[in-house]
Amino acid sequence: MQAGAEAMPVFKIDRFAVPPAAREEFLGRVRAIRDFLDTQPGCRQNLILEQTGGGDTAILTIVEWQDAESFGKAKAAAAARYQATGFDPGDFIARLGIRAEIANFGPLA
């Protein structure tokens, strides 16, 4: 980053199509992750949103990070936590039959 330039926030926005039978287990894990991320420096807001109707439930998570550095540190901390607890997000999502769209966004200048 150039001297005097303002750091740009990073938005982690993930969308999940969750089968009804998996909803409660999935939300339990998502809430635990939200609670952990809320403790990380640079976390500005952390939302879990739900859209229901017509089969699968759509769950959207939005986390706003102060900047790319705080996002990177939080991502590393989450990965270390997953490794220490033996949690594999990919296996979890596959086991529950969830479809996921995972993305990071930044504001347009």
C-alpha atoms as a PDB file:
ATOM      1  CA  MET A   1       0.000   0.000   0.000  1.00  0.00           C
ATOM      2  CA  GLN A   2       1.302   3.451  -0.833  1.00  0.00           C
ATOM      3  CA  ALA A   3       2.087   5.895   1.961  1.00  0.00           C
ATOM      4  CA  GLY A   4      -0.991   7.916   2.804  1.00  0.00           C
ATOM      5  CA  ALA A   5      -3.322   5.576   0.890  1.00  0.00           C
ATOM      6  CA  GLU A   6      -6.350   4.358   2.804  1.00  0.00           C
ATOM      7  CA  ALA A   7      -6.655   0.600   3.246  1.00  0.00           C
ATOM      8  CA  MET A   8      -9.606  -0.891   1.394  1.00  0.00           C
ATOM      9  CA  PRO A   9     -11.992  -3.220   3.232  1.00  0.00           C
ATOM     10  CA  VAL A  10     -12.458  -6.833   2.181  1.00  0.00           C
ATOM     11  CA  PHE A  11     -15.904  -8.424   2.139  1.00  0.00           C
ATOM     12  CA  LYS A  12     -16.094 -12.210   2.489  1.00  0.00           C
ATOM     13  CA  ILE A  13     -19.482 -13.170   1.054  1.00  0.00           C
ATOM     14  CA  ASP A  14     -20.493 -16.822   0.954  1.00  0.00           C
ATOM     15  CA  ARG A  15     -23.814 -18.288  -0.200  1.00  0.00           C
ATOM     16  CA  PHE A  16     -24.958 -21.756   0.782  1.00  0.00           C
ATOM     17  CA  ALA A  17     -27.917 -23.787  -0.495  1.00  0.00           C
ATOM     18  CA  VAL A  18     -28.755 -25.902   2.544  1.00  0.00           C
ATOM     19  CA  PRO A  19     -31.109 -28.905   2.449  1.00  0.00           C
ATOM     20  CA  PRO A  20     -33.803 -28.661   5.155  1.00  0.00           C
ATOM     21  CA  ALA A  21     -32.475 -31.711   7.024  1.00  0.00           C
ATOM     22  CA  ALA A  22     -29.029 -30.100   7.319  1.00  0.00           C
ATOM     23  CA  ARG A  23     -30.162 -26.609   8.384  1.00  0.00           C
ATOM     24  CA  GLU A  24     -29.753 -26.882  12.167  1.00  0.00           C
ATOM     25  CA  GLU A  25     -26.373 -28.626  12.090  1.00  0.00           C
ATOM     26  CA  PHE A  26     -25.089 -26.180   9.487  1.00  0.00           C
ATOM     27  CA  LEU A  27     -26.318 -23.112  11.400  1.00  0.00           C
ATOM     28  CA  GLY A  28     -24.705 -24.402  14.586  1.00  0.00           C
ATOM     29  CA  ARG A  29     -21.343 -24.526  12.840  1.00  0.00           C
ATOM     30  CA  VAL A  30     -21.841 -21.175  11.078  1.00  0.00           C
ATOM     31  CA  ARG A  31     -22.698 -19.483  14.382  1.00  0.00           C
ATOM     32  CA  ALA A  32     -19.584 -20.947  16.025  1.00  0.00           C
ATOM     33  CA  ILE A  33     -17.441 -19.655  13.157  1.00  0.00           C
ATOM     34  CA  ARG A  34     -19.122 -16.238  13.384  1.00  0.00           C
ATOM     35  CA  ASP A  35     -18.411 -16.067  17.110  1.00  0.00           C
ATOM     36  CA  PHE A  36     -14.739 -16.917  16.508  1.00  0.00           C
ATOM     37  CA  LEU A  37     -14.337 -14.393  13.678  1.00  0.00           C
ATOM     38  CA  ASP A  38     -15.931 -11.675  15.822  1.00  0.00           C
ATOM     39  CA  THR A  39     -12.914 -11.957  18.149  1.00  0.00           C
ATOM     40  CA  GLN A  40     -10.403 -11.340  15.351  1.00  0.00           C
ATOM     41  CA  PRO A  41      -8.847  -7.882  14.912  1.00  0.00           C
ATOM     42  CA  GLY A  42     -10.243  -5.962  11.956  1.00  0.00           C
ATOM     43  CA  CYS A  43     -13.654  -7.648  11.881  1.00  0.00           C
ATOM     44  CA  ARG A  44     -16.090  -4.777  11.299  1.00  0.00           C
ATOM     45  CA  GLN A  45     -19.349  -6.676  10.848  1.00  0.00           C
ATOM     46  CA  ASN A  46     -20.321 -10.309  10.627  1.00  0.00           C
ATOM     47  CA  LEU A  47     -23.775 -11.285   9.403  1.00  0.00           C
ATOM     48  CA  ILE A  48     -25.691 -14.505   8.837  1.00  0.00           C
ATOM     49  CA  LEU A  49     -28.722 -14.024   6.588  1.00  0.00           C
ATOM     50  CA  GLU A  50     -31.389 -16.505   5.541  1.00  0.00           C
ATOM     51  CA  GLN A  51     -33.843 -16.736   2.652  1.00  0.00           C
ATOM     52  CA  THR A  52     -36.442 -19.474   2.891  1.00  0.00           C
ATOM     53  CA  GLY A  53     -39.052 -20.902   0.571  1.00  0.00           C
ATOM     54  CA  GLY A  54     -39.165 -23.577  -2.071  1.00  0.00           C
ATOM     55  CA  GLY A  55     -36.894 -26.407  -0.926  1.00  0.00           C
ATOM     56  CA  ASP A  56     -33.366 -25.597   0.148  1.00  0.00           C
ATOM     57  CA  THR A  57     -32.686 -22.711   2.499  1.00  0.00           C
ATOM     58  CA  ALA A  58     -30.317 -20.039   1.219  1.00  0.00           C
ATOM     59  CA  ILE A  59     -27.843 -18.935   3.890  1.00  0.00           C
ATOM     60  CA  LEU A  60     -25.632 -15.930   3.167  1.00  0.00           C
ATOM     61  CA  THR A  61     -22.689 -14.961   5.348  1.00  0.00           C
ATOM     62  CA  ILE A  62     -21.098 -11.535   5.014  1.00  0.00           C
ATOM     63  CA  VAL A  63     -17.989 -10.548   6.938  1.00  0.00           C
ATOM     64  CA  GLU A  64     -16.459  -7.115   6.466  1.00  0.00           C
ATOM     65  CA  TRP A  65     -12.750  -6.875   7.229  1.00  0.00           C
ATOM     66  CA  GLN A  66     -10.905  -3.618   7.802  1.00  0.00           C
ATOM     67  CA  ASP A  67      -8.328  -4.480   5.157  1.00  0.00           C
ATOM     68  CA  ALA A  68      -6.599  -7.343   3.342  1.00  0.00           C
ATOM     69  CA  GLU A  69      -4.043  -7.737   6.130  1.00  0.00           C
ATOM     70  CA  SER A  70      -6.661  -8.301   8.849  1.00  0.00           C
ATOM     71  CA  PHE A  71      -8.572 -10.648   6.521  1.00  0.00           C
ATOM     72  CA  GLY A  72      -5.421 -12.669   5.843  1.00  0.00           C
ATOM     73  CA  LYS A  73      -4.576 -12.963   9.533  1.00  0.00           C
ATOM     74  CA  ALA A  74      -8.125 -14.041  10.403  1.00  0.00           C
ATOM     75  CA  LYS A  75      -8.121 -16.591   7.590  1.00  0.00           C
ATOM     76  CA  ALA A  76      -4.857 -18.071   8.929  1.00  0.00           C
ATOM     77  CA  ALA A  77      -6.231 -18.118  12.489  1.00  0.00           C
ATOM     78  CA  ALA A  78      -9.388 -19.917  11.328  1.00  0.00           C
ATOM     79  CA  ALA A  79      -7.331 -22.473   9.373  1.00  0.00           C
ATOM     80  CA  ALA A  80      -5.172 -23.132  12.453  1.00  0.00           C
ATOM     81  CA  ARG A  81      -8.292 -23.570  14.580  1.00  0.00           C
ATOM     82  CA  TYR A  82      -9.807 -25.998  12.065  1.00  0.00           C
ATOM     83  CA  GLN A  83      -6.588 -28.019  11.964  1.00  0.00           C
ATOM     84  CA  ALA A  84      -6.350 -28.123  15.766  1.00  0.00           C
ATOM     85  CA  THR A  85      -9.951 -29.345  16.087  1.00  0.00           C
ATOM     86  CA  GLY A  86      -9.886 -31.679  13.075  1.00  0.00           C
ATOM     87  CA  PHE A  87     -12.629 -29.763  11.257  1.00  0.00           C
ATOM     88  CA  ASP A  88     -12.590 -29.862   7.454  1.00  0.00           C
ATOM     89  CA  PRO A  89     -15.046 -27.314   5.985  1.00  0.00           C
ATOM     90  CA  GLY A  90     -15.073 -29.020   2.571  1.00  0.00           C
ATOM     91  CA  ASP A  91     -15.912 -32.419   4.043  1.00  0.00           C
ATOM     92  CA  PHE A  92     -18.581 -30.862   6.281  1.00  0.00           C
ATOM     93  CA  ILE A  93     -20.296 -29.138   3.353  1.00  0.00           C
ATOM     94  CA  ALA A  94     -20.099 -32.283   1.187  1.00  0.00           C
ATOM     95  CA  ARG A  95     -21.446 -34.540   3.959  1.00  0.00           C
ATOM     96  CA  LEU A  96     -24.486 -32.303   4.443  1.00  0.00           C
ATOM     97  CA  GLY A  97     -25.167 -32.004   0.702  1.00  0.00           C
ATOM     98  CA  ILE A  98     -24.719 -28.223   0.706  1.00  0.00           C
ATOM     99  CA  ARG A  99     -23.900 -26.237  -2.426  1.00  0.00           C
ATOM    100  CA  ALA A 100     -21.547 -23.333  -1.728  1.00  0.00           C
ATOM    101  CA  GLU A 101     -20.411 -20.201  -3.532  1.00  0.00           C
ATOM    102  CA  ILE A 102     -17.391 -18.721  -1.737  1.00  0.00           C
ATOM    103  CA  ALA A 103     -16.043 -15.290  -2.730  1.00  0.00           C
ATOM    104  CA  ASN A 104     -14.138 -12.232  -1.569  1.00  0.00           C
ATOM    105  CA  PHE A 105     -15.123  -8.765  -2.748  1.00  0.00           C
ATOM    106  CA  GLY A 106     -13.611  -5.309  -2.535  1.00  0.00           C
ATOM    107  CA  PRO A 107     -15.212  -1.926  -3.125  1.00  0.00           C
ATOM    108  CA  LEU A 108     -14.839  -0.329  -6.539  1.00  0.00           C
ATOM    109  CA  ALA A 109     -12.737   2.805  -6.505  1.00  0.00           C
END
